[in-house]
C-alpha atoms as a PDB file:
ATOM      1  CA  MET A   1      20.651  23.351   5.529  1.00  0.00           C
ATOM      2  CA  HIS A   2      22.413  23.653   2.086  1.00  0.00           C
ATOM      3  CA  THR A   3      21.965  27.065   0.953  1.00  0.00           C
ATOM      4  CA  SER A   4      24.012  29.845  -0.268  1.00  0.00           C
ATOM      5  CA  TRP A   5      21.437  32.806   1.216  1.00  0.00           C
ATOM      6  CA  LEU A   6      20.692  31.244   4.808  1.00  0.00           C
ATOM      7  CA  THR A   7      23.453  31.642   7.104  1.00  0.00           C
ATOM      8  CA  ALA A   8      23.341  29.768  10.391  1.00  0.00           C
ATOM      9  CA  GLU A   9      23.623  32.747  12.070  1.00  0.00           C
ATOM     10  CA  HIS A  10      20.516  34.049  10.506  1.00  0.00           C
ATOM     11  CA  TYR A  11      18.665  30.626  10.972  1.00  0.00           C
ATOM     12  CA  ALA A  12      19.390  30.726  14.642  1.00  0.00           C
ATOM     13  CA  GLY A  13      17.765  34.134  15.107  1.00  0.00           C
ATOM     14  CA  LEU A  14      14.651  33.269  13.735  1.00  0.00           C
ATOM     15  CA  SER A  15      11.802  33.085  15.963  1.00  0.00           C
ATOM     16  CA  THR A  16       9.419  30.720  17.195  1.00  0.00           C
ATOM     17  CA  GLU A  17       6.856  32.405  18.383  1.00  0.00           C
ATOM     18  CA  PRO A  18       3.498  32.883  16.573  1.00  0.00           C
ATOM     19  CA  GLU A  19       3.092  35.917  14.882  1.00  0.00           C
ATOM     20  CA  GLN A  20       0.473  38.546  13.064  1.00  0.00           C
ATOM     21  CA  ALA A  21       2.328  38.418  10.090  1.00  0.00           C
ATOM     22  CA  PHE A  22       6.059  36.616   9.385  1.00  0.00           C
ATOM     23  CA  ILE A  23       8.466  35.701   6.615  1.00  0.00           C
ATOM     24  CA  ALA A  24       9.784  32.046   7.158  1.00  0.00           C
ATOM     25  CA  PRO A  25      13.102  31.110   4.963  1.00  0.00           C
ATOM     26  CA  LEU A  26      12.119  27.527   4.082  1.00  0.00           C
ATOM     27  CA  PRO A  27      15.600  25.712   3.379  1.00  0.00           C
ATOM     28  CA  ALA A  28      14.348  22.250   3.103  1.00  0.00           C
ATOM     29  CA  PHE A  29      11.931  23.056   0.309  1.00  0.00           C
ATOM     30  CA  ASP A  30      13.567  23.677  -3.517  1.00  0.00           C
ATOM     31  CA  THR A  31      12.706  24.010  -7.348  1.00  0.00           C
ATOM     32  CA  LEU A  32      13.302  22.851 -10.542  1.00  0.00           C
ATOM     33  CA  SER A  33      13.591  24.766 -13.851  1.00  0.00           C
ATOM     34  CA  ILE A  34      12.123  22.531 -16.619  1.00  0.00           C
ATOM     35  CA  SER A  35      12.207  24.260 -19.899  1.00  0.00           C
ATOM     36  CA  GLY A  36      12.167  22.711 -23.812  1.00  0.00           C
ATOM     37  CA  ALA A  37      10.236  22.608 -26.805  1.00  0.00           C
ATOM     38  CA  ASP A  38       8.617  19.937 -25.805  1.00  0.00           C
ATOM     39  CA  THR A  39       7.928  21.233 -21.590  1.00  0.00           C
ATOM     40  CA  ILE A  40       4.021  20.999 -21.718  1.00  0.00           C
ATOM     41  CA  LYS A  41       3.614  18.052 -23.446  1.00  0.00           C
ATOM     42  CA  TYR A  42       6.269  16.118 -21.338  1.00  0.00           C
ATOM     43  CA  MET A  43       4.581  17.344 -18.736  1.00  0.00           C
ATOM     44  CA  GLN A  44       1.675  17.102 -19.156  1.00  0.00           C
ATOM     45  CA  SER A  45       2.209  12.961 -19.291  1.00  0.00           C
ATOM     46  CA  GLN A  46       3.666  12.882 -16.018  1.00  0.00           C
ATOM     47  CA  THR A  47       1.473  14.499 -13.657  1.00  0.00           C
ATOM     48  CA  THR A  48      -1.717  14.573 -12.109  1.00  0.00           C
ATOM     49  CA  CYS A  49      -2.240  18.265 -13.288  1.00  0.00           C
ATOM     50  CA  ASP A  50      -3.588  19.770 -16.240  1.00  0.00           C
ATOM     51  CA  ILE A  51      -0.118  21.859 -17.455  1.00  0.00           C
ATOM     52  CA  ALA A  52      -2.050  22.792 -20.302  1.00  0.00           C
ATOM     53  CA  ALA A  53      -4.106  24.948 -17.786  1.00  0.00           C
ATOM     54  CA  LEU A  54      -1.420  27.291 -16.388  1.00  0.00           C
ATOM     55  CA  THR A  55      -1.157  31.380 -17.173  1.00  0.00           C
ATOM     56  CA  ASN A  56       0.792  33.911 -16.685  1.00  0.00           C
ATOM     57  CA  THR A  57      -0.867  34.822 -13.218  1.00  0.00           C
ATOM     58  CA  ALA A  58      -2.084  31.259 -11.681  1.00  0.00           C
ATOM     59  CA  PHE A  59      -0.194  28.265 -10.307  1.00  0.00           C
ATOM     60  CA  LEU A  60      -1.434  24.764 -10.025  1.00  0.00           C
ATOM     61  CA  ARG A  61      -0.679  21.708  -7.429  1.00  0.00           C
ATOM     62  CA  GLY A  62       0.016  18.270  -8.945  1.00  0.00           C
ATOM     63  CA  ALA A  63       1.401  15.478  -8.437  1.00  0.00           C
ATOM     64  CA  HIS A  64       3.930  12.918  -9.698  1.00  0.00           C
ATOM     65  CA  CYS A  65       3.131   9.158  -9.820  1.00  0.00           C
ATOM     66  CA  ASP A  66       4.804   5.818 -10.462  1.00  0.00           C
ATOM     67  CA  ALA A  67       3.096   2.804 -12.783  1.00  0.00           C
ATOM     68  CA  LYS A  68       0.809   1.865  -9.732  1.00  0.00           C
ATOM     69  CA  GLY A  69      -0.268   5.446  -8.894  1.00  0.00           C
ATOM     70  CA  LYS A  70       2.013   5.826  -5.792  1.00  0.00           C
ATOM     71  CA  MET A  71       3.242   8.972  -5.382  1.00  0.00           C
ATOM     72  CA  TRP A  72       6.846  10.562  -6.336  1.00  0.00           C
ATOM     73  CA  SER A  73       6.194  13.938  -5.060  1.00  0.00           C
ATOM     74  CA  GLN A  74       3.124  16.540  -4.642  1.00  0.00           C
ATOM     75  CA  PHE A  75       4.148  19.725  -6.012  1.00  0.00           C
ATOM     76  CA  HIS A  76       3.220  23.171  -6.922  1.00  0.00           C
ATOM     77  CA  ILE A  77       4.143  24.305 -10.435  1.00  0.00           C
ATOM     78  CA  CYS A  78       3.731  28.198 -12.290  1.00  0.00           C
ATOM     79  CA  THR A  79       5.420  29.473 -15.647  1.00  0.00           C
ATOM     80  CA  ALA A  80       8.415  31.467 -15.601  1.00  0.00           C
ATOM     81  CA  THR A  81       9.412  34.644 -16.726  1.00  0.00           C
ATOM     82  CA  LYS A  82      12.255  34.798 -19.720  1.00  0.00           C
ATOM     83  CA  GLU A  83      14.106  37.042 -17.026  1.00  0.00           C
ATOM     84  CA  ASP A  84      13.407  34.299 -14.455  1.00  0.00           C
ATOM     85  CA  SER A  85      15.241  31.581 -16.209  1.00  0.00           C
ATOM     86  CA  ALA A  86      17.533  33.141 -18.402  1.00  0.00           C
ATOM     87  CA  ASP A  87      20.275  30.281 -17.673  1.00  0.00           C
ATOM     88  CA  SER A  88      18.119  27.764 -16.337  1.00  0.00           C
ATOM     89  CA  SER A  89      18.770  25.350 -19.287  1.00  0.00           C
ATOM     90  CA  ASP A  90      21.154  22.117 -18.847  1.00  0.00           C
ATOM     91  CA  SER A  91      23.084  21.364 -21.669  1.00  0.00           C
ATOM     92  CA  SER A  92      23.434  18.066 -21.411  1.00  0.00           C
ATOM     93  CA  ASP A  93      19.646  17.455 -22.246  1.00  0.00           C
ATOM     94  CA  SER A  94      18.198  18.010 -25.369  1.00  0.00           C
ATOM     95  CA  SER A  95      16.702  21.481 -26.961  1.00  0.00           C
ATOM     96  CA  ASP A  96      16.347  23.215 -29.693  1.00  0.00           C
ATOM     97  CA  SER A  97      16.239  27.133 -31.033  1.00  0.00           C
ATOM     98  CA  SER A  98      12.279  26.912 -30.751  1.00  0.00           C
ATOM     99  CA  ASP A  99      12.446  26.597 -26.867  1.00  0.00           C
ATOM    100  CA  SER A 100      12.305  30.372 -26.857  1.00  0.00           C
ATOM    101  CA  GLU A 101       9.069  30.541 -28.035  1.00  0.00           C
ATOM    102  CA  ILE A 102       8.075  28.062 -24.693  1.00  0.00           C
ATOM    103  CA  ALA A 103       7.779  29.413 -21.291  1.00  0.00           C
ATOM    104  CA  PRO A 104       9.841  27.370 -18.548  1.00  0.00           C
ATOM    105  CA  LEU A 105       8.073  25.605 -15.903  1.00  0.00           C
ATOM    106  CA  ILE A 106       8.952  26.123 -12.122  1.00  0.00           C
ATOM    107  CA  VAL A 107       8.448  23.297  -9.740  1.00  0.00           C
ATOM    108  CA  ILE A 108       8.363  23.808  -5.902  1.00  0.00           C
ATOM    109  CA  ALA A 109       8.339  20.990  -3.647  1.00  0.00           C
ATOM    110  CA  PHE A 110      10.160  19.483  -0.329  1.00  0.00           C
ATOM    111  CA  ARG A 111      13.612  18.517  -1.396  1.00  0.00           C
ATOM    112  CA  ASP A 112      13.078  14.569  -0.761  1.00  0.00           C
ATOM    113  CA  GLU A 113      10.078  14.567  -3.182  1.00  0.00           C
ATOM    114  CA  LEU A 114      12.042  16.692  -5.610  1.00  0.00           C
ATOM    115  CA  THR A 115      14.912  15.064  -5.796  1.00  0.00           C
ATOM    116  CA  ALA A 116      13.231  11.777  -6.553  1.00  0.00           C
ATOM    117  CA  SER A 117      10.517  13.131  -9.119  1.00  0.00           C
ATOM    118  CA  THR A 118      13.790  14.901 -10.707  1.00  0.00           C
ATOM    119  CA  GLU A 119      15.506  11.468 -10.963  1.00  0.00           C
ATOM    120  CA  GLN A 120      12.385   9.948 -12.989  1.00  0.00           C
ATOM    121  CA  TRP A 121      11.429  12.839 -14.931  1.00  0.00           C
ATOM    122  CA  LYS A 122      15.387  13.055 -16.305  1.00  0.00           C
ATOM    123  CA  LYS A 123      15.171   9.741 -16.839  1.00  0.00           C
ATOM    124  CA  PHE A 124      12.432   9.456 -19.549  1.00  0.00           C
ATOM    125  CA  GLY A 125      13.147  12.835 -20.807  1.00  0.00           C
ATOM    126  CA  VAL A 126      15.922  12.228 -22.808  1.00  0.00           C
ATOM    127  CA  PHE A 127      12.992  10.951 -25.656  1.00  0.00           C
ATOM    128  CA  SER A 128      11.844  14.214 -25.376  1.00  0.00           C
ATOM    129  CA  LYS A 129      13.422  18.033 -26.247  1.00  0.00           C
ATOM    130  CA  VAL A 130      12.912  18.792 -22.608  1.00  0.00           C
ATOM    131  CA  SER A 131      15.755  20.069 -20.030  1.00  0.00           C
ATOM    132  CA  PHE A 132      15.778  20.504 -16.212  1.00  0.00           C
ATOM    133  CA  SER A 133      17.980  22.343 -13.982  1.00  0.00           C
ATOM    134  CA  SER A 134      17.913  22.361 -10.516  1.00  0.00           C
ATOM    135  CA  GLY A 135      16.599  25.567  -8.500  1.00  0.00           C
ATOM    136  CA  GLN A 136      19.087  25.043  -5.414  1.00  0.00           C
ATOM    137  CA  ASP A 137      21.113  28.030  -7.230  1.00  0.00           C
ATOM    138  CA  GLN A 138      19.076  30.020  -8.448  1.00  0.00           C
ATOM    139  CA  TYR A 139      16.165  30.445  -6.272  1.00  0.00           C
ATOM    140  CA  ALA A 140      15.202  31.012  -2.364  1.00  0.00           C
ATOM    141  CA  VAL A 141      11.768  29.359  -1.187  1.00  0.00           C
ATOM    142  CA  PHE A 142      10.074  31.285   1.706  1.00  0.00           C
ATOM    143  CA  GLY A 143       6.965  31.090   3.575  1.00  0.00           C
ATOM    144  CA  ILE A 144       4.563  34.276   4.397  1.00  0.00           C
ATOM    145  CA  GLY A 145       1.682  33.605   7.042  1.00  0.00           C
ATOM    146  CA  GLY A 146       0.416  34.682   9.904  1.00  0.00           C
ATOM    147  CA  THR A 147      -2.882  35.335  12.486  1.00  0.00           C
ATOM    148  CA  GLU A 148      -4.047  38.518  11.285  1.00  0.00           C
ATOM    149  CA  GLN A 149      -4.980  38.883   7.665  1.00  0.00           C
ATOM    150  CA  ALA A 150      -4.214  42.574   7.595  1.00  0.00           C
ATOM    151  CA  LYS A 151      -0.843  42.467   8.690  1.00  0.00           C
ATOM    152  CA  VAL A 152       0.167  39.881   6.787  1.00  0.00           C
ATOM    153  CA  SER A 153      -1.168  42.004   3.689  1.00  0.00           C
ATOM    154  CA  ALA A 154       0.527  44.428   4.403  1.00  0.00           C
ATOM    155  CA  LEU A 155       4.144  42.435   5.009  1.00  0.00           C
ATOM    156  CA  ILE A 156       2.921  41.549   0.914  1.00  0.00           C
ATOM    157  CA  ALA A 157       2.810  44.913  -0.014  1.00  0.00           C
ATOM    158  CA  GLU A 158       6.219  45.942   2.304  1.00  0.00           C
ATOM    159  CA  LEU A 159       8.005  42.953  -0.139  1.00  0.00           C
ATOM    160  CA  GLY A 160       6.909  44.580  -3.506  1.00  0.00           C
ATOM    161  CA  PHE A 161       3.531  42.505  -4.140  1.00  0.00           C
ATOM    162  CA  SER A 162       0.258  42.713  -5.060  1.00  0.00           C
ATOM    163  CA  LEU A 163      -2.022  40.459  -3.351  1.00  0.00           C
ATOM    164  CA  PRO A 164      -3.236  37.685  -5.755  1.00  0.00           C
ATOM    165  CA  ASP A 165      -6.527  35.526  -5.326  1.00  0.00           C
ATOM    166  CA  ILE A 166      -6.361  31.916  -3.970  1.00  0.00           C
ATOM    167  CA  GLY A 167      -4.634  29.951  -6.437  1.00  0.00           C
ATOM    168  CA  GLN A 168      -3.237  32.904  -8.009  1.00  0.00           C
ATOM    169  CA  LEU A 169       0.469  34.652  -7.999  1.00  0.00           C
ATOM    170  CA  SER A 170       2.174  37.704  -8.019  1.00  0.00           C
ATOM    171  CA  ARG A 171       5.736  38.733 -10.200  1.00  0.00           C
ATOM    172  CA  HIS A 172       7.770  41.441  -8.707  1.00  0.00           C
ATOM    173  CA  ASN A 173      11.115  41.845  -9.896  1.00  0.00           C
ATOM    174  CA  ASN A 174      11.601  38.412 -10.968  1.00  0.00           C
ATOM    175  CA  ALA A 175      10.374  37.200  -7.653  1.00  0.00           C
ATOM    176  CA  LEU A 176       6.989  35.295  -7.598  1.00  0.00           C
ATOM    177  CA  LEU A 177       4.197  34.919  -4.467  1.00  0.00           C
ATOM    178  CA  LEU A 178       2.301  31.950  -4.593  1.00  0.00           C
ATOM    179  CA  ARG A 179      -1.000  32.523  -2.508  1.00  0.00           C
ATOM    180  CA  LEU A 180      -1.764  28.735  -0.990  1.00  0.00           C
ATOM    181  CA  GLY A 181      -4.540  29.543   1.792  1.00  0.00           C
ATOM    182  CA  GLN A 182      -6.071  32.721   3.030  1.00  0.00           C
ATOM    183  CA  SER A 183      -3.254  33.761   4.770  1.00  0.00           C
ATOM    184  CA  HIS A 184      -0.667  31.154   3.686  1.00  0.00           C
ATOM    185  CA  PHE A 185       1.922  32.093   0.851  1.00  0.00           C
ATOM    186  CA  ILE A 186       5.209  30.627  -0.862  1.00  0.00           C
ATOM    187  CA  MET A 187       7.611  33.505  -2.215  1.00  0.00           C
ATOM    188  CA  LEU A 188      10.343  32.605  -4.642  1.00  0.00           C
ATOM    189  CA  GLN A 189      13.125  35.299  -4.344  1.00  0.00           C
ATOM    190  CA  SER A 190      16.713  34.912  -6.304  1.00  0.00           C
ATOM    191  CA  ILE A 191      19.388  34.020  -4.271  1.00  0.00           C
ATOM    192  CA  SER A 192      21.173  37.558  -4.595  1.00  0.00           C
ATOM    193  CA  ALA A 193      17.807  39.055  -3.334  1.00  0.00           C
ATOM    194  CA  ALA A 194      17.335  36.486  -0.719  1.00  0.00           C
ATOM    195  CA  GLN A 195      20.328  37.170   0.539  1.00  0.00           C
ATOM    196  CA  GLN A 196      19.622  41.219   0.478  1.00  0.00           C
ATOM    197  CA  LEU A 197      16.510  40.258   2.056  1.00  0.00           C
ATOM    198  CA  MET A 198      17.662  37.947   5.133  1.00  0.00           C
ATOM    199  CA  SER A 199      19.621  41.513   6.307  1.00  0.00           C
ATOM    200  CA  GLN A 200      16.366  43.368   6.531  1.00  0.00           C
ATOM    201  CA  ALA A 201      14.277  44.200   9.518  1.00  0.00           C
ATOM    202  CA  LEU A 202      11.405  42.048   8.535  1.00  0.00           C
ATOM    203  CA  PRO A 203       9.444  39.675  10.750  1.00  0.00           C
ATOM    204  CA  PHE A 204      11.704  36.620  10.300  1.00  0.00           C
ATOM    205  CA  ALA A 205      10.115  33.427  12.133  1.00  0.00           C
ATOM    206  CA  ALA A 206      11.549  29.902  12.008  1.00  0.00           C
ATOM    207  CA  PRO A 207      10.510  27.369   9.335  1.00  0.00           C
ATOM    208  CA  ASN A 208       8.178  25.327  11.531  1.00  0.00           C
ATOM    209  CA  LEU A 209       5.820  27.996  12.106  1.00  0.00           C
ATOM    210  CA  TRP A 210       4.963  28.063   8.345  1.00  0.00           C
ATOM    211  CA  LEU A 211       5.051  24.432   8.160  1.00  0.00           C
ATOM    212  CA  ALA A 212       2.336  24.336  11.212  1.00  0.00           C
ATOM    213  CA  GLU A 213       0.255  26.797   9.060  1.00  0.00           C
ATOM    214  CA  HIS A 214       0.479  24.396   5.805  1.00  0.00           C
ATOM    215  CA  ILE A 215      -0.758  21.362   8.495  1.00  0.00           C
ATOM    216  CA  ARG A 216      -3.493  22.928   9.451  1.00  0.00           C
ATOM    217  CA  CYS A 217      -4.611  24.186   5.684  1.00  0.00           C
ATOM    218  CA  GLY A 218      -4.401  20.080   4.854  1.00  0.00           C
ATOM    219  CA  PHE A 219      -1.660  20.554   2.766  1.00  0.00           C
ATOM    220  CA  SER A 220       1.187  17.900   3.248  1.00  0.00           C
ATOM    221  CA  TYR A 221       4.532  16.565   1.006  1.00  0.00           C
ATOM    222  CA  LEU A 222       6.423  13.707   1.185  1.00  0.00           C
ATOM    223  CA  GLU A 223       9.362  12.933   2.863  1.00  0.00           C
ATOM    224  CA  HIS A 224      12.227  10.396   1.996  1.00  0.00           C
ATOM    225  CA  GLY A 225      10.079   7.301   3.839  1.00  0.00           C
ATOM    226  CA  LEU A 226       6.614   8.131   2.374  1.00  0.00           C
ATOM    227  CA  ILE A 227       8.048   8.416  -1.302  1.00  0.00           C
ATOM    228  CA  GLY A 228       6.144   5.933  -3.630  1.00  0.00           C
ATOM    229  CA  GLN A 229       4.134   4.843  -0.645  1.00  0.00           C
ATOM    230  CA  LEU A 230       0.695   6.682  -0.926  1.00  0.00           C
ATOM    231  CA  VAL A 231      -1.450   7.205  -3.717  1.00  0.00           C
ATOM    232  CA  PRO A 232      -2.832  11.130  -4.277  1.00  0.00           C
ATOM    233  CA  GLN A 233      -6.645  10.519  -2.841  1.00  0.00           C
ATOM    234  CA  MET A 234      -4.691   9.201   0.495  1.00  0.00           C
ATOM    235  CA  LEU A 235      -3.692  12.977   0.960  1.00  0.00           C
ATOM    236  CA  ASN A 236      -6.851  14.671   0.158  1.00  0.00           C
ATOM    237  CA  LEU A 237      -5.282  15.681  -3.222  1.00  0.00           C
ATOM    238  CA  GLN A 238      -8.648  15.653  -5.061  1.00  0.00           C
ATOM    239  CA  ALA A 239     -10.120  18.198  -2.472  1.00  0.00           C
ATOM    240  CA  ILE A 240      -7.638  20.617  -3.199  1.00  0.00           C
ATOM    241  CA  ASP A 241      -8.149  20.473  -7.160  1.00  0.00           C
ATOM    242  CA  ALA A 242      -4.337  18.820  -7.732  1.00  0.00           C
ATOM    243  CA  ILE A 243      -5.895  16.163  -9.813  1.00  0.00           C
ATOM    244  CA  SER A 244      -7.429  16.426 -13.266  1.00  0.00           C
ATOM    245  CA  PHE A 245     -10.213  13.914 -14.241  1.00  0.00           C
ATOM    246  CA  THR A 246     -10.239  15.140 -17.359  1.00  0.00           C
ATOM    247  CA  LYS A 247      -7.138  15.430 -19.446  1.00  0.00           C
ATOM    248  CA  GLY A 248      -5.257  13.077 -21.151  1.00  0.00           C
ATOM    249  CA  CYS A 249      -3.252  10.050 -19.930  1.00  0.00           C
ATOM    250  CA  TYR A 250      -0.800  10.461 -17.186  1.00  0.00           C
ATOM    251  CA  ILE A 251       1.871   8.018 -15.293  1.00  0.00           C
ATOM    252  CA  GLY A 252       0.051   6.123 -12.651  1.00  0.00           C
ATOM    253  CA  GLN A 253      -3.702   7.801 -14.240  1.00  0.00           C
ATOM    254  CA  GLU A 254      -5.585   4.213 -14.463  1.00  0.00           C
ATOM    255  CA  THR A 255      -5.170   3.743 -10.552  1.00  0.00           C
ATOM    256  CA  VAL A 256      -6.397   7.243  -9.541  1.00  0.00           C
ATOM    257  CA  ALA A 257      -9.237   7.340 -12.018  1.00  0.00           C
ATOM    258  CA  ARG A 258      -9.985   4.033 -10.591  1.00  0.00           C
ATOM    259  CA  LEU A 259      -9.891   5.051  -7.243  1.00  0.00           C
ATOM    260  CA  LYS A 260     -12.706   8.093  -8.055  1.00  0.00           C
ATOM    261  CA  TYR A 261     -14.943   6.410 -10.086  1.00  0.00           C
ATOM    262  CA  ARG A 262     -14.862   2.897  -9.081  1.00  0.00           C
ATOM    263  CA  GLY A 263     -13.875   3.666  -5.121  1.00  0.00           C
ATOM    264  CA  GLY A 264     -11.721   0.941  -3.276  1.00  0.00           C
ATOM    265  CA  ASN A 265     -10.321   4.191  -1.420  1.00  0.00           C
ATOM    266  CA  LYS A 266     -10.340   3.811   2.432  1.00  0.00           C
ATOM    267  CA  ARG A 267      -7.952   6.480   3.638  1.00  0.00           C
ATOM    268  CA  ALA A 268      -7.639   9.863   3.967  1.00  0.00           C
ATOM    269  CA  ALA A 269      -5.662  12.329   5.372  1.00  0.00           C
ATOM    270  CA  PHE A 270      -6.917  13.843   8.569  1.00  0.00           C
ATOM    271  CA  ILE A 271      -5.538  16.885  10.841  1.00  0.00           C
ATOM    272  CA  LEU A 272      -4.365  15.819  14.506  1.00  0.00           C
ATOM    273  CA  THR A 273      -3.184  18.057  17.312  1.00  0.00           C
ATOM    274  CA  ALA A 274      -1.726  17.187  20.613  1.00  0.00           C
ATOM    275  CA  GLU A 275      -0.427  18.894  23.740  1.00  0.00           C
ATOM    276  CA  THR A 276       3.351  17.378  23.958  1.00  0.00           C
ATOM    277  CA  ASP A 277       6.761  18.570  23.400  1.00  0.00           C
ATOM    278  CA  GLU A 278       7.792  15.246  21.132  1.00  0.00           C
ATOM    279  CA  LEU A 279       8.262  15.729  17.009  1.00  0.00           C
ATOM    280  CA  PRO A 280       7.556  12.660  15.437  1.00  0.00           C
ATOM    281  CA  ALA A 281       8.982  11.411  11.816  1.00  0.00           C
ATOM    282  CA  ALA A 282       7.374  10.710   9.133  1.00  0.00           C
ATOM    283  CA  GLY A 283       5.866   7.165   8.772  1.00  0.00           C
ATOM    284  CA  THR A 284       5.697   7.342  12.704  1.00  0.00           C
ATOM    285  CA  ASP A 285       2.483   4.881  13.894  1.00  0.00           C
ATOM    286  CA  ILE A 286      -1.099   6.211  14.692  1.00  0.00           C
ATOM    287  CA  GLU A 287      -2.957   4.037  17.234  1.00  0.00           C
ATOM    288  CA  LEU A 288      -6.847   3.589  17.648  1.00  0.00           C
ATOM    289  CA  GLN A 289      -8.058   2.412  20.798  1.00  0.00           C
ATOM    290  CA  LEU A 290     -10.291  -0.526  20.716  1.00  0.00           C
ATOM    291  CA  ASN A 291     -12.073  -1.266  24.416  1.00  0.00           C
ATOM    292  CA  GLU A 292      -8.801  -2.202  26.283  1.00  0.00           C
ATOM    293  CA  ASN A 293      -6.352  -2.510  23.263  1.00  0.00           C
ATOM    294  CA  TRP A 294      -4.815  -0.479  20.767  1.00  0.00           C
ATOM    295  CA  ARG A 295      -3.814  -0.890  17.304  1.00  0.00           C
ATOM    296  CA  ARG A 296      -2.128   0.603  14.607  1.00  0.00           C
ATOM    297  CA  THR A 297      -4.470   2.524  12.320  1.00  0.00           C
ATOM    298  CA  GLY A 298      -2.566   5.151  10.656  1.00  0.00           C
ATOM    299  CA  GLN A 299       0.977   7.289   9.965  1.00  0.00           C
ATOM    300  CA  VAL A 300       2.265  10.529  10.576  1.00  0.00           C
ATOM    301  CA  VAL A 301       2.979  12.413   7.342  1.00  0.00           C
ATOM    302  CA  ASN A 302       4.147  15.627   8.547  1.00  0.00           C
ATOM    303  CA  ALA A 303       4.468  17.400  11.769  1.00  0.00           C
ATOM    304  CA  ALA A 304       5.846  20.844  13.488  1.00  0.00           C
ATOM    305  CA  ASN A 305       5.817  21.932  17.126  1.00  0.00           C
ATOM    306  CA  ILE A 306       5.326  25.220  18.260  1.00  0.00           C
ATOM    307  CA  ASN A 307       5.565  25.633  21.680  1.00  0.00           C
ATOM    308  CA  ASN A 308       4.949  22.087  23.097  1.00  0.00           C
ATOM    309  CA  THR A 309       1.489  22.216  20.869  1.00  0.00           C
ATOM    310  CA  LEU A 310       1.854  19.385  18.003  1.00  0.00           C
ATOM    311  CA  TRP A 311       0.471  19.712  14.834  1.00  0.00           C
ATOM    312  CA  LEU A 312       0.274  16.376  12.459  1.00  0.00           C
ATOM    313  CA  ILE A 313      -1.214  15.831   8.756  1.00  0.00           C
ATOM    314  CA  ALA A 314      -1.905  11.901   8.997  1.00  0.00           C
ATOM    315  CA  VAL A 315      -3.375   8.629   6.988  1.00  0.00           C
ATOM    316  CA  LEU A 316      -6.000   7.648   8.457  1.00  0.00           C
ATOM    317  CA  PRO A 317      -9.072   5.240   7.542  1.00  0.00           C
ATOM    318  CA  ASN A 318     -11.466   7.746   6.058  1.00  0.00           C
ATOM    319  CA  ASP A 319     -14.145   6.691   8.333  1.00  0.00           C
ATOM    320  CA  ILE A 320     -12.737   7.733  11.514  1.00  0.00           C
ATOM    321  CA  THR A 321     -14.261  10.363  13.515  1.00  0.00           C
ATOM    322  CA  PRO A 322     -13.673  12.959  16.391  1.00  0.00           C
ATOM    323  CA  ALA A 323     -15.324  10.566  18.983  1.00  0.00           C
ATOM    324  CA  ASP A 324     -12.539   7.876  18.163  1.00  0.00           C
ATOM    325  CA  SER A 325      -9.209   7.613  20.800  1.00  0.00           C
ATOM    326  CA  LEU A 326      -5.945   7.980  19.005  1.00  0.00           C
ATOM    327  CA  ARG A 327      -2.667   8.338  20.187  1.00  0.00           C
ATOM    328  CA  LEU A 328       0.928   8.531  18.715  1.00  0.00           C
ATOM    329  CA  ASN A 329       2.916   5.623  18.816  1.00  0.00           C
ATOM    330  CA  SER A 330       5.510   6.944  21.046  1.00  0.00           C
ATOM    331  CA  ASP A 331       7.153   6.759  24.676  1.00  0.00           C
ATOM    332  CA  SER A 332       5.162   9.696  26.173  1.00  0.00           C
ATOM    333  CA  ALA A 333       1.651   8.004  23.813  1.00  0.00           C
ATOM    334  CA  PRO A 334      -0.003  11.783  24.207  1.00  0.00           C
ATOM    335  CA  SER A 335      -3.794  11.835  22.818  1.00  0.00           C
ATOM    336  CA  LEU A 336      -4.214  13.034  19.718  1.00  0.00           C
ATOM    337  CA  GLN A 337      -7.320  15.040  18.753  1.00  0.00           C
ATOM    338  CA  ILE A 338      -8.742  15.586  15.235  1.00  0.00           C
ATOM    339  CA  VAL A 339      -9.119  18.959  13.915  1.00  0.00           C
ATOM    340  CA  PRO A 340     -11.510  19.782  11.449  1.00  0.00           C
ATOM    341  CA  LEU A 341     -10.213  20.047   7.548  1.00  0.00           C
ATOM    342  CA  PRO A 342     -10.857  23.261   5.681  1.00  0.00           C
ATOM    343  CA  TYR A 343     -12.066  21.270   2.527  1.00  0.00           C
ATOM    344  CA  SER A 344     -14.417  18.877   2.214  1.00  0.00           C
ATOM    345  CA  LEU A 345     -13.541  15.438   0.954  1.00  0.00           C
END
């Protein structure tokens, strides 16, 4: 836990019980502020999503790939207000007075993948008028969710936000609320506001409650061991509007487009569950039973365990079916059941 807004005492007191509505600090997620006269042009050349389609009320999902189409990261991205980012520029990077006309961008992602992408963006950004500033000292990231939509909506209203549509965002006092799913949200607060928020009597929950929801929504993120290993379609990014096939060129586009128009991708992300106390690491093998034998067929991408119910999102052959017998490659080797995805592949 590397935050200036979440104390060990606060973290230890977070609920691990399912809630009708909850707010969960997400210290493993971070933000990056991008500004400069070439911000839109530069990021358009770097990402799978159409950066030019961003508006003040809509965010985008996207990915950042290497030249072979393997992902450095997947993320959510939105525009900031000038109040959000008055101090966000990095003086070591190039910019000019015209920057004030360009709305800065905020990238939200799991810290491992954001670190990997930031290194690459900075490396090639020296040739453009674009600057990067870590959001670690600027924003705190929270997840909001719960089992009852009405209760979740009431919590959002209590926090001062209007309820956005899915794929849209709301703003309140320089805070942002992104609606990822029906009852699944990301919220950004300033560090000072987050410190005040953590002292309030709100239904705070452990991050794994939100992470389990993230999995059940069919979303994923890249932990360290899987960075640079997967193409976007292996994590269903084409099904959650994280790839634009009509925008201009970007790094890795040739591979991503070829998989769409010529086929060849034989793997996809699936939601799995099991009754076990295990919490496998990213990259842990999943095995398929063939007669009396078991063989490796896929790997865990993300996992969350809620009171001995394990939720996984995993990369598997895209012809896998619920009738196939799957298990986790671990000491207890719990059997895994496929849960239907909330979207169509």
